Amino acid sequence: MITGKSIAKGALVVMAATLMSRLFGFIRETQIAEYFGASGATDAYLVAFSVPSGIGMAIAAAVSAGFIPVLNNYLVLNERDNAAKVANTLLNIIFVVLLALTALGMLFAPYLVVRLVPGFSPDAVRLTVELILLMFPSLIFISLMGLASGFLNSHQHFLFPALGPMVTSIVIIGTILTWGRSWGIKGLAAGTLAGFTLQLLVQIPVMYKKGFRYKLEFAVLHPGVIKVFKLMAPVLVASLVPPVMVLVEKGLASKLTIGSISALNYAFRLMQLPQGLFVMAVSIPLFPALSTFAAQKDFARLKETMIKAVSVLALIMIPASAGLLALDEPIVRLLFQRGAFQAKDTIPTAYALAFYALALLPLALRDVFRRVFYAVQDTLTPVILTIGSFLLNIALDLFLVKIMGIGGLALGAALSVMVEAAILYLLLNGKLAGLPGKSFFKLLLKLIAAAVIMGAAAYYCSNLIGLRFDMGTDRGRMLQVGASVMVGFLTYVLAVVVLRVGEIREAIGIVKGFFRKTSPGSDS
């Protein structure tokens, strides 16, 4: 039986596993930086990796979104035969399609690369083609993870799908440490393929334990199969936008100095770290509540919950942005500057990070606003806005990259997501009638003021330590970042208390409420 306690515990499992996966993902990036730096070879790897991974993750997201509700419906009705037929038919159809896509991708790889990265030299193009041929089969394994995770989540198993990315990262890290010196960037590509292969393979025994039995079925006209593909279509369109945008940005960055694609990637990964950690902590207990209130037509509580969530996210993400802006170079130096990643690579990476930092809060708010639309069963509006944001991002990138280089690409991404989040908020205000706009913007002004004070304190502390200690050592770098973060944190807490920001109590309350749901006896 699914209860409030089981849902909360499932969410806690996903949160812990996802945190581990993100941690190992970041370690993977630091190892890539140490062994390969921000070089032409790393640029080639990132472009080659983006094609199969971007398409595969979009397909996986779409498959999971369409498969889970249909499979859950059959399981609730105890129609196991229909559930099995749909699962096997989807697996077979998708596998055949993926084989065809992989063959076409590998066949046309040389033509694809030339158009994706027009700024690459002939040698860089050849290397990118070799790497994409090595990694393109990973499309199959990445895409099928959507089906595997959908099946396991429908059977209330969340651990292995959430740990999947960690498996891939561990394999890639192991490959770098063992083959990095001898095989070079091609060893990294081979390890990437091996990682995604193993990520899928570890799910199979668990699927069989949960009752999955493979059959060669192609029941393409089965109502459940048709329903899945109908549900998949809009999600696939929306899910393809981010990877296409990534490829566009890499294409524009290819016309800049060698290593620009790598610097942009490292900066983006750094920005994602607080984004993933804090947004997930708020969103996991939030989204089931939104869906429940929407189903009960209790829109007053839905609005109240949404505003509390965005207020708490603002309380966290605004100072995180200020911290990244104030300490961009020290943070990049501490986390990446060793081995092949040199001081000259720190400067462009920190430059891009400063502009990516502006996107932290808009990304978090956009995620919440989208979920509210999904909760009220409006999936079309977010898809349309996602496409509009994509077009705006391209236009901004084309204009800003000429003026600001890779900083323009990061700023273009930040501005487009700001516009998307703002429009989503305005549309929700019309749909839900009367969101508290003035009080929310008053809160934003208070938090921005506190964050400016915090950033100034952290920046001053960083400079002071940088003048007195050797920043060429890990000890000096850790002292600089650690002390500056602590000074900034204490300054921010003091500022929000002085400014009487009550949402700090809401943040503590959400965490306490979440863990109360996981305590024994709370089955409501």
Protein backbone atom coordinates (compact mmCIF):
# COMPACT_ATOMS: atom_id res chain seq x y z
CA MET A 1 0.00 0.00 0.00
CA ILE A 2 1.29 3.48 -0.92
CA THR A 3 1.07 5.87 2.05
CA GLY A 4 2.37 9.31 2.91
CA LYS A 5 5.14 7.63 4.86
CA SER A 6 6.18 5.41 1.94
CA ILE A 7 6.12 8.35 -0.49
CA ALA A 8 8.28 10.45 1.83
CA LYS A 9 10.71 7.58 2.37
CA GLY A 10 10.86 7.02 -1.39
CA ALA A 11 11.60 10.71 -1.84
CA LEU A 12 14.32 10.50 0.81
CA VAL A 13 15.92 7.55 -0.99
CA VAL A 14 15.84 9.44 -4.29
CA MET A 15 17.29 12.54 -2.65
CA ALA A 16 20.18 10.66 -1.02
CA ALA A 17 20.94 8.66 -4.18
CA THR A 18 20.73 11.73 -6.39
CA LEU A 19 23.05 13.65 -4.07
CA MET A 20 25.56 10.82 -4.35
CA SER A 21 25.19 10.76 -8.13
CA ARG A 22 25.75 14.51 -8.36
CA LEU A 23 28.76 14.31 -6.08
CA PHE A 24 30.40 11.62 -8.21
CA GLY A 25 29.40 13.52 -11.34
CA PHE A 26 31.27 16.54 -10.07
CA ILE A 27 34.30 14.41 -9.14
CA ARG A 28 34.20 13.07 -12.71
CA GLU A 29 34.39 16.63 -14.05
CA THR A 30 37.34 17.49 -11.79
CA GLN A 31 39.19 14.40 -13.03
CA ILE A 32 38.53 15.30 -16.66
CA ALA A 33 39.85 18.79 -15.92
CA GLU A 34 42.95 17.47 -14.18
CA TYR A 35 43.88 14.98 -16.92
CA PHE A 36 42.75 16.84 -20.04
CA GLY A 37 42.30 20.48 -18.99
CA ALA A 38 40.47 23.02 -21.15
CA SER A 39 42.05 21.80 -24.37
CA GLY A 40 41.12 21.15 -27.97
CA ALA A 41 40.87 17.43 -27.19
CA THR A 42 38.43 18.11 -24.34
CA ASP A 43 36.42 20.39 -26.65
CA ALA A 44 36.19 17.55 -29.19
CA TYR A 45 35.10 15.07 -26.50
CA LEU A 46 32.38 17.36 -25.16
CA VAL A 47 30.92 17.96 -28.62
CA ALA A 48 31.02 14.25 -29.47
CA PHE A 49 29.47 13.35 -26.11
CA SER A 50 26.69 15.96 -26.40
CA VAL A 51 25.06 14.38 -29.46
CA PRO A 52 24.20 10.85 -28.24
CA SER A 53 23.77 11.91 -24.60
CA GLY A 54 21.48 14.83 -25.44
CA ILE A 55 19.23 12.80 -27.74
CA GLY A 56 19.30 9.81 -25.40
CA MET A 57 18.34 11.77 -22.29
CA ALA A 58 15.49 13.47 -24.15
CA ILE A 59 14.16 10.09 -25.30
CA ALA A 60 14.59 8.62 -21.82
CA ALA A 61 12.66 11.50 -20.23
CA ALA A 62 9.86 11.17 -22.77
CA VAL A 63 9.63 7.38 -22.43
CA SER A 64 9.55 7.59 -18.65
CA ALA A 65 6.87 10.34 -18.69
CA GLY A 66 4.63 8.37 -21.03
CA PHE A 67 5.28 4.88 -19.65
CA ILE A 68 4.84 5.42 -15.89
CA PRO A 69 1.19 6.63 -15.85
CA VAL A 70 0.07 3.92 -18.30
CA LEU A 71 1.90 1.16 -16.47
CA ASN A 72 0.66 2.40 -13.08
CA ASN A 73 -2.91 2.31 -14.35
CA TYR A 74 -2.60 -1.35 -15.41
CA LEU A 75 -0.94 -2.28 -12.11
CA VAL A 76 -3.68 -0.58 -10.07
CA LEU A 77 -6.30 -2.50 -12.07
CA ASN A 78 -4.24 -5.68 -11.59
CA GLU A 79 -4.01 -6.15 -15.37
CA ARG A 80 -0.53 -7.68 -15.33
CA ASP A 81 -0.79 -9.18 -18.82
CA ASN A 82 -1.53 -5.80 -20.39
CA ALA A 83 1.28 -4.21 -18.38
CA ALA A 84 3.74 -6.85 -19.61
CA LYS A 85 2.57 -6.52 -23.21
CA VAL A 86 2.98 -2.74 -23.20
CA ALA A 87 6.42 -2.95 -21.55
CA ASN A 88 7.77 -5.52 -24.03
CA THR A 89 6.27 -3.82 -27.07
CA LEU A 90 7.75 -0.48 -26.07
CA LEU A 91 11.13 -2.06 -25.41
CA ASN A 92 11.19 -3.75 -28.84
CA ILE A 93 9.93 -0.75 -30.80
CA ILE A 94 12.26 1.70 -29.09
CA PHE A 95 15.23 -0.65 -29.48
CA VAL A 96 14.67 -0.96 -33.23
CA VAL A 97 14.31 2.82 -33.58
CA LEU A 98 17.47 3.37 -31.52
CA LEU A 99 19.44 0.93 -33.65
CA ALA A 100 18.39 2.84 -36.77
CA LEU A 101 19.23 6.23 -35.19
CA THR A 102 22.62 4.95 -34.08
CA ALA A 103 23.45 3.59 -37.52
CA LEU A 104 22.41 6.86 -39.17
CA GLY A 105 24.30 8.93 -36.62
CA MET A 106 27.51 6.98 -37.15
CA LEU A 107 27.10 7.02 -40.93
CA PHE A 108 26.61 10.78 -41.14
CA ALA A 109 28.95 11.68 -38.25
CA PRO A 110 31.50 13.51 -40.48
CA TYR A 111 28.80 15.73 -42.02
CA LEU A 112 27.17 16.29 -38.64
CA VAL A 113 30.36 17.41 -36.90
CA VAL A 114 31.31 19.91 -39.63
CA ARG A 115 27.94 21.63 -39.21
CA LEU A 116 27.85 21.47 -35.42
CA VAL A 117 31.26 23.06 -34.84
CA PRO A 118 32.11 25.26 -37.82
CA GLY A 119 35.01 26.84 -35.94
CA PHE A 120 36.95 23.58 -35.48
CA SER A 121 40.16 22.99 -37.39
CA PRO A 122 40.35 19.95 -39.75
CA ASP A 123 42.33 18.01 -37.11
CA ALA A 124 39.77 18.83 -34.42
CA VAL A 125 36.95 17.76 -36.74
CA ARG A 126 38.66 14.42 -37.39
CA LEU A 127 39.16 13.79 -33.67
CA THR A 128 35.53 14.71 -32.92
CA VAL A 129 34.32 12.28 -35.60
CA GLU A 130 36.45 9.47 -34.13
CA LEU A 131 35.08 10.17 -30.66
CA ILE A 132 31.47 10.37 -31.77
CA LEU A 133 31.84 7.01 -33.53
CA LEU A 134 33.11 5.54 -30.26
CA MET A 135 30.32 6.99 -28.14
CA PHE A 136 27.25 7.02 -30.40
CA PRO A 137 26.09 3.51 -29.33
CA SER A 138 25.62 4.95 -25.83
CA LEU A 139 22.42 6.48 -27.26
CA ILE A 140 20.81 3.04 -26.98
CA PHE A 141 21.69 2.52 -23.32
CA ILE A 142 20.85 6.07 -22.22
CA SER A 143 17.44 5.97 -23.93
CA LEU A 144 16.49 2.54 -22.56
CA MET A 145 17.18 3.81 -19.04
CA GLY A 146 13.91 5.73 -19.39
CA LEU A 147 12.03 2.47 -19.81
CA ALA A 148 13.97 0.72 -17.03
CA SER A 149 13.50 3.55 -14.54
CA GLY A 150 9.82 3.88 -15.48
CA PHE A 151 9.24 0.17 -14.82
CA LEU A 152 11.10 0.21 -11.50
CA ASN A 153 9.52 3.45 -10.25
CA SER A 154 6.06 2.07 -11.06
CA HIS A 155 6.94 -0.90 -8.84
CA GLN A 156 8.00 1.48 -6.03
CA HIS A 157 11.72 0.88 -6.52
CA PHE A 158 13.64 4.15 -6.68
CA LEU A 159 17.18 3.39 -5.53
CA PHE A 160 18.80 1.83 -8.60
CA PRO A 161 17.44 4.33 -11.17
CA ALA A 162 18.61 7.22 -8.98
CA LEU A 163 22.05 5.62 -8.52
CA GLY A 164 22.44 4.97 -12.27
CA PRO A 165 24.32 8.22 -13.05
CA MET A 166 26.71 7.48 -10.18
CA VAL A 167 27.57 4.12 -11.78
CA THR A 168 28.41 5.89 -15.04
CA SER A 169 30.54 8.48 -13.26
CA ILE A 170 32.48 5.82 -11.29
CA VAL A 171 33.27 3.92 -14.50
CA ILE A 172 34.42 7.12 -16.24
CA ILE A 173 36.57 8.12 -13.24
CA GLY A 174 38.11 4.64 -13.18
CA THR A 175 38.79 4.86 -16.91
CA ILE A 176 40.52 8.22 -16.54
CA LEU A 177 42.71 6.94 -13.70
CA THR A 178 43.70 3.74 -15.54
CA TRP A 179 43.64 4.61 -19.25
CA GLY A 180 43.87 8.41 -19.13
CA ARG A 181 47.64 8.59 -19.59
CA SER A 182 48.00 5.84 -22.22
CA TRP A 183 44.78 6.11 -24.26
CA GLY A 184 44.24 9.83 -23.89
CA ILE A 185 40.89 11.33 -24.81
CA LYS A 186 39.85 8.18 -26.72
CA GLY A 187 40.13 6.24 -23.47
CA LEU A 188 37.73 8.74 -21.90
CA ALA A 189 35.29 8.19 -24.77
CA ALA A 190 35.51 4.41 -24.41
CA GLY A 191 34.97 4.73 -20.65
CA THR A 192 31.91 6.89 -21.27
CA LEU A 193 30.34 4.19 -23.46
CA ALA A 194 31.22 1.53 -20.87
CA GLY A 195 29.70 3.65 -18.09
CA PHE A 196 26.34 4.08 -19.79
CA THR A 197 26.27 0.40 -20.74
CA LEU A 198 26.82 -0.68 -17.14
CA GLN A 199 24.27 1.87 -15.90
CA LEU A 200 21.56 0.04 -17.85
CA LEU A 201 22.84 -3.47 -17.15
CA VAL A 202 22.69 -3.07 -13.36
CA GLN A 203 18.95 -2.30 -13.65
CA ILE A 204 18.08 -5.57 -15.41
CA PRO A 205 18.37 -7.99 -12.42
CA VAL A 206 16.22 -5.63 -10.34
CA MET A 207 13.62 -5.47 -13.15
CA TYR A 208 13.45 -9.26 -13.23
CA LYS A 209 13.10 -9.36 -9.45
CA LYS A 210 10.12 -7.01 -9.82
CA GLY A 211 8.46 -9.32 -12.33
CA PHE A 212 9.70 -8.21 -15.76
CA ARG A 213 9.95 -11.03 -18.32
CA TYR A 214 11.15 -10.27 -21.82
CA LYS A 215 9.07 -11.35 -24.84
CA LEU A 216 9.50 -10.54 -28.53
CA GLU A 217 6.21 -8.64 -28.91
CA PHE A 218 5.20 -5.85 -31.31
CA ALA A 219 1.61 -5.05 -30.26
CA VAL A 220 1.84 -1.61 -31.87
CA LEU A 221 -1.95 -1.12 -31.93
CA HIS A 222 -2.43 -1.95 -28.25
CA PRO A 223 -4.32 0.95 -26.58
CA GLY A 224 -1.69 1.21 -23.86
CA VAL A 225 1.15 1.51 -26.38
CA ILE A 226 -0.72 4.17 -28.35
CA LYS A 227 -1.42 6.06 -25.10
CA VAL A 228 2.27 6.00 -24.15
CA PHE A 229 3.35 7.48 -27.48
CA LYS A 230 0.68 10.19 -27.23
CA LEU A 231 1.94 11.15 -23.78
CA MET A 232 5.56 10.99 -24.95
CA ALA A 233 5.23 13.41 -27.87
CA PRO A 234 5.04 16.80 -26.04
CA VAL A 235 7.61 15.73 -23.44
CA LEU A 236 10.04 14.67 -26.19
CA VAL A 237 9.70 18.05 -27.90
CA ALA A 238 10.36 19.90 -24.64
CA SER A 239 13.20 17.55 -23.63
CA LEU A 240 15.02 18.02 -26.93
CA VAL A 241 15.27 21.78 -26.46
CA PRO A 242 18.08 21.80 -23.82
CA PRO A 243 20.45 19.45 -25.72
CA VAL A 244 19.87 21.34 -28.97
CA MET A 245 20.65 24.57 -27.13
CA VAL A 246 23.83 23.01 -25.74
CA LEU A 247 24.92 22.06 -29.27
CA VAL A 248 24.18 25.56 -30.57
CA GLU A 249 26.28 27.08 -27.76
CA LYS A 250 29.13 24.66 -28.43
CA GLY A 251 28.98 25.53 -32.12
CA LEU A 252 29.29 29.24 -31.32
CA ALA A 253 32.05 28.58 -28.77
CA SER A 254 33.97 26.55 -31.39
CA LYS A 255 34.65 29.84 -33.21
CA LEU A 256 36.36 31.28 -30.12
CA THR A 257 39.75 30.32 -28.66
CA ILE A 258 40.64 26.64 -28.19
CA GLY A 259 39.31 25.41 -24.85
CA SER A 260 36.28 27.71 -24.82
CA ILE A 261 33.85 24.78 -25.03
CA SER A 262 35.60 23.12 -22.08
CA ALA A 263 35.61 26.31 -19.99
CA LEU A 264 31.89 26.81 -20.66
CA ASN A 265 31.20 23.20 -19.65
CA TYR A 266 33.17 23.41 -16.39
CA ALA A 267 31.41 26.66 -15.46
CA PHE A 268 28.01 25.15 -16.20
CA ARG A 269 28.78 22.09 -14.05
CA LEU A 270 29.79 24.34 -11.17
CA MET A 271 26.55 26.30 -11.47
CA GLN A 272 24.57 23.04 -11.45
CA LEU A 273 26.02 21.96 -8.10
CA PRO A 274 24.02 24.31 -5.83
CA GLN A 275 21.14 24.11 -8.30
CA GLY A 276 20.90 20.35 -7.92
CA LEU A 277 21.49 20.19 -4.18
CA PHE A 278 19.12 22.88 -2.94
CA VAL A 279 16.32 22.74 -5.52
CA MET A 280 15.99 18.99 -5.03
CA ALA A 281 15.77 19.37 -1.24
CA VAL A 282 12.76 21.67 -1.64
CA SER A 283 11.12 20.12 -4.69
CA ILE A 284 10.90 16.48 -3.58
CA PRO A 285 8.46 17.12 -0.71
CA LEU A 286 6.79 19.97 -2.64
CA PHE A 287 5.62 18.40 -5.90
CA PRO A 288 3.43 15.61 -4.47
CA ALA A 289 1.68 18.29 -2.37
CA LEU A 290 1.01 20.45 -5.45
CA SER A 291 -0.54 17.51 -7.29
CA THR A 292 -2.71 16.61 -4.29
CA PHE A 293 -4.05 20.15 -3.86
CA ALA A 294 -4.74 20.43 -7.60
CA ALA A 295 -6.63 17.12 -7.60
CA GLN A 296 -8.70 18.32 -4.62
CA LYS A 297 -9.35 21.68 -6.37
CA ASP A 298 -7.88 23.34 -3.28
CA PHE A 299 -6.24 26.18 -5.21
CA ALA A 300 -5.82 28.39 -2.16
CA ARG A 301 -3.48 25.87 -0.54
CA LEU A 302 -1.80 25.20 -3.88
CA LYS A 303 -0.97 28.91 -4.24
CA GLU A 304 0.16 29.15 -0.63
CA THR A 305 2.45 26.12 -1.03
CA MET A 306 3.91 27.43 -4.27
CA ILE A 307 4.68 30.87 -2.81
CA LYS A 308 6.30 29.31 0.26
CA ALA A 309 8.45 27.12 -1.99
CA VAL A 310 9.63 29.95 -4.25
CA SER A 311 10.29 32.14 -1.21
CA VAL A 312 12.50 29.47 0.37
CA LEU A 313 14.28 28.90 -2.94
CA ALA A 314 14.89 32.65 -3.23
CA LEU A 315 16.28 32.66 0.31
CA ILE A 316 18.82 29.99 -0.74
CA MET A 317 19.59 30.68 -4.40
CA ILE A 318 20.09 34.47 -4.26
CA PRO A 319 23.03 34.22 -1.82
CA ALA A 320 24.35 31.22 -3.77
CA SER A 321 24.43 33.43 -6.87
CA ALA A 322 26.14 36.21 -4.95
CA GLY A 323 28.69 33.75 -3.60
CA LEU A 324 29.56 32.43 -7.06
CA LEU A 325 29.87 36.00 -8.36
CA ALA A 326 32.10 37.12 -5.49
CA LEU A 327 34.28 34.00 -5.44
CA ASP A 328 34.22 32.84 -9.05
CA GLU A 329 38.01 32.65 -9.58
CA PRO A 330 38.88 31.26 -6.09
CA ILE A 331 36.22 28.52 -6.45
CA VAL A 332 37.37 27.50 -9.94
CA ARG A 333 41.01 27.60 -8.80
CA LEU A 334 40.27 25.38 -5.79
CA LEU A 335 38.15 22.81 -7.59
CA PHE A 336 39.78 22.56 -11.01
CA GLN A 337 43.23 24.16 -11.21
CA ARG A 338 45.63 21.20 -11.11
CA GLY A 339 47.26 18.88 -13.61
CA ALA A 340 46.38 19.82 -17.20
CA PHE A 341 43.96 22.54 -16.03
CA GLN A 342 46.21 25.59 -15.76
CA ALA A 343 45.85 29.14 -14.45
CA LYS A 344 45.07 30.39 -17.95
CA ASP A 345 42.03 28.05 -17.99
CA THR A 346 40.73 29.37 -14.67
CA ILE A 347 40.12 32.88 -16.03
CA PRO A 348 37.62 32.04 -18.85
CA THR A 349 35.91 29.40 -16.69
CA ALA A 350 35.39 31.89 -13.86
CA TYR A 351 34.24 34.50 -16.39
CA ALA A 352 31.49 32.19 -17.68
CA LEU A 353 30.60 31.08 -14.13
CA ALA A 354 29.90 34.66 -13.07
CA PHE A 355 27.17 34.98 -15.70
CA TYR A 356 25.80 31.47 -15.20
CA ALA A 357 25.39 32.36 -11.51
CA LEU A 358 22.65 34.82 -12.49
CA ALA A 359 20.53 31.86 -13.67
CA LEU A 360 20.40 30.04 -10.33
CA LEU A 361 17.15 31.51 -8.99
CA PRO A 362 15.35 31.75 -12.37
CA LEU A 363 16.11 28.06 -13.05
CA ALA A 364 14.77 27.07 -9.64
CA LEU A 365 11.59 29.16 -10.02
CA ARG A 366 11.02 27.93 -13.57
CA ASP A 367 11.11 24.35 -12.29
CA VAL A 368 8.49 25.08 -9.63
CA PHE A 369 6.23 27.04 -11.99
CA ARG A 370 6.35 24.26 -14.58
CA ARG A 371 5.34 21.74 -11.93
CA VAL A 372 2.36 23.86 -10.96
CA PHE A 373 1.22 23.83 -14.60
CA TYR A 374 1.67 20.05 -14.67
CA ALA A 375 -0.29 19.74 -11.41
CA VAL A 376 -3.27 21.55 -12.95
CA GLN A 377 -2.91 19.30 -16.04
CA ASP A 378 -1.65 21.98 -18.41
CA THR A 379 1.41 20.52 -20.15
CA LEU A 380 1.11 22.55 -23.36
CA THR A 381 1.91 26.00 -21.93
CA PRO A 382 5.32 25.02 -20.48
CA VAL A 383 6.27 23.31 -23.77
CA ILE A 384 5.40 26.42 -25.81
CA LEU A 385 7.38 28.64 -23.44
CA THR A 386 10.33 26.24 -23.51
CA ILE A 387 10.48 26.55 -27.29
CA GLY A 388 10.12 30.34 -27.06
CA SER A 389 12.93 30.49 -24.49
CA PHE A 390 15.09 28.37 -26.79
CA LEU A 391 14.61 30.80 -29.68
CA LEU A 392 15.31 33.78 -27.43
CA ASN A 393 18.45 32.08 -26.11
CA ILE A 394 19.77 31.55 -29.64
CA ALA A 395 19.10 35.19 -30.57
CA LEU A 396 20.83 36.46 -27.42
CA ASP A 397 23.79 34.11 -27.93
CA LEU A 398 24.30 35.23 -31.52
CA PHE A 399 24.35 38.85 -30.40
CA LEU A 400 26.25 38.60 -27.10
CA VAL A 401 28.97 36.16 -28.16
CA LYS A 402 30.35 38.80 -30.55
CA ILE A 403 30.68 41.28 -27.68
CA MET A 404 31.50 39.11 -24.66
CA GLY A 405 32.81 35.76 -25.92
CA ILE A 406 31.88 32.77 -23.76
CA GLY A 407 30.56 35.17 -21.12
CA GLY A 408 27.94 36.22 -23.67
CA LEU A 409 26.85 32.60 -24.13
CA ALA A 410 26.43 32.18 -20.37
CA LEU A 411 24.61 35.51 -20.06
CA GLY A 412 22.31 34.62 -22.96
CA ALA A 413 21.30 31.41 -21.17
CA ALA A 414 20.68 33.32 -17.92
CA LEU A 415 18.59 36.06 -19.54
CA SER A 416 16.42 33.64 -21.51
CA VAL A 417 15.57 31.58 -18.42
CA MET A 418 14.77 34.80 -16.52
CA VAL A 419 12.26 35.77 -19.19
CA GLU A 420 10.76 32.26 -19.24
CA ALA A 421 10.35 32.18 -15.43
CA ALA A 422 8.77 35.66 -15.44
CA ILE A 423 6.24 34.74 -18.14
CA LEU A 424 5.36 31.48 -16.37
CA TYR A 425 4.70 33.49 -13.20
CA LEU A 426 2.47 35.99 -15.02
CA LEU A 427 0.48 33.20 -16.71
CA LEU A 428 0.06 31.40 -13.38
CA ASN A 429 -1.15 34.65 -11.85
CA GLY A 430 -3.90 34.71 -14.48
CA LYS A 431 -4.69 31.01 -14.13
CA LEU A 432 -4.76 30.90 -10.33
CA ALA A 433 -6.13 34.44 -9.88
CA GLY A 434 -4.19 36.60 -7.51
CA LEU A 435 -0.69 35.48 -6.60
CA PRO A 436 0.86 37.78 -3.97
CA GLY A 437 3.14 39.69 -6.33
CA LYS A 438 3.96 42.75 -4.20
CA SER A 439 4.94 40.77 -1.11
CA PHE A 440 7.09 38.41 -3.18
CA PHE A 441 8.96 41.24 -4.90
CA LYS A 442 9.43 42.97 -1.55
CA LEU A 443 11.03 39.75 -0.30
CA LEU A 444 13.29 39.62 -3.39
CA LEU A 445 14.52 43.17 -2.74
CA LYS A 446 15.34 42.31 0.88
CA LEU A 447 17.20 39.15 -0.14
CA ILE A 448 19.12 40.93 -2.91
CA ALA A 449 20.19 43.61 -0.43
CA ALA A 450 21.35 40.94 2.03
CA ALA A 451 23.15 39.06 -0.76
CA VAL A 452 24.98 42.21 -1.93
CA ILE A 453 26.27 42.78 1.61
CA MET A 454 27.22 39.10 1.84
CA GLY A 455 29.01 39.16 -1.53
CA ALA A 456 31.00 42.25 -0.58
CA ALA A 457 32.08 40.66 2.71
CA ALA A 458 33.09 37.39 1.01
CA TYR A 459 34.96 39.25 -1.75
CA TYR A 460 36.89 41.39 0.73
CA CYS A 461 37.78 38.35 2.83
CA SER A 462 38.92 36.45 -0.27
CA ASN A 463 41.19 39.27 -1.41
CA LEU A 464 42.64 39.70 2.07
CA ILE A 465 43.55 36.01 2.35
CA GLY A 466 44.82 35.97 -1.25
CA LEU A 467 47.36 38.68 -0.37
CA ARG A 468 48.63 36.92 2.75
CA PHE A 469 48.76 33.26 1.72
CA ASP A 470 50.15 31.29 -1.22
CA MET A 471 47.32 30.55 -3.67
CA GLY A 472 49.57 28.07 -5.47
CA THR A 473 48.93 25.51 -2.73
CA ASP A 474 45.77 23.53 -1.98
CA ARG A 475 45.97 24.67 1.64
CA GLY A 476 45.94 28.33 0.65
CA ARG A 477 43.07 27.84 -1.79
CA MET A 478 40.98 25.91 0.74
CA LEU A 479 41.58 28.58 3.38
CA GLN A 480 40.62 31.34 0.94
CA VAL A 481 37.35 29.73 -0.18
CA GLY A 482 36.43 28.19 3.19
CA ALA A 483 36.94 31.36 5.22
CA SER A 484 35.25 33.55 2.60
CA VAL A 485 32.20 31.26 2.43
CA MET A 486 31.93 31.22 6.22
CA VAL A 487 32.21 35.02 6.47
CA GLY A 488 29.65 35.39 3.67
CA PHE A 489 27.24 32.93 5.27
CA LEU A 490 27.35 34.60 8.69
CA THR A 491 26.96 38.04 7.10
CA TYR A 492 23.93 36.86 5.11
CA VAL A 493 22.23 35.28 8.13
CA LEU A 494 22.76 38.47 10.12
CA ALA A 495 21.43 40.57 7.24
CA VAL A 496 18.21 38.54 6.77
CA VAL A 497 17.58 38.67 10.53
CA VAL A 498 18.07 42.46 10.59
CA LEU A 499 15.82 42.80 7.52
CA ARG A 500 13.20 40.56 9.20
CA VAL A 501 12.96 37.94 6.49
CA GLY A 502 10.47 35.45 7.94
CA GLU A 503 11.06 32.86 5.21
CA ILE A 504 14.12 31.62 7.08
CA ARG A 505 11.67 29.93 9.46
CA GLU A 506 9.81 28.45 6.49
CA ALA A 507 13.03 26.89 5.22
CA ILE A 508 13.63 25.20 8.58
CA GLY A 509 9.95 24.17 8.76
CA ILE A 510 9.98 22.50 5.33
CA VAL A 511 13.00 20.40 6.30
CA LYS A 512 11.46 19.45 9.65
CA GLY A 513 8.11 18.62 8.03
CA PHE A 514 9.78 16.42 5.44
CA PHE A 515 11.63 14.36 8.02
CA ARG A 516 8.50 14.10 10.21
CA LYS A 517 6.82 12.33 7.28
CA THR A 518 9.55 9.70 7.31
CA SER A 519 9.27 9.04 11.05
CA PRO A 520 7.47 5.89 12.28
CA GLY A 521 3.72 6.14 12.63
CA SER A 522 3.15 8.96 10.14
CA ASP A 523 1.16 7.09 7.50
CA SER A 524 -1.22 9.85 6.57
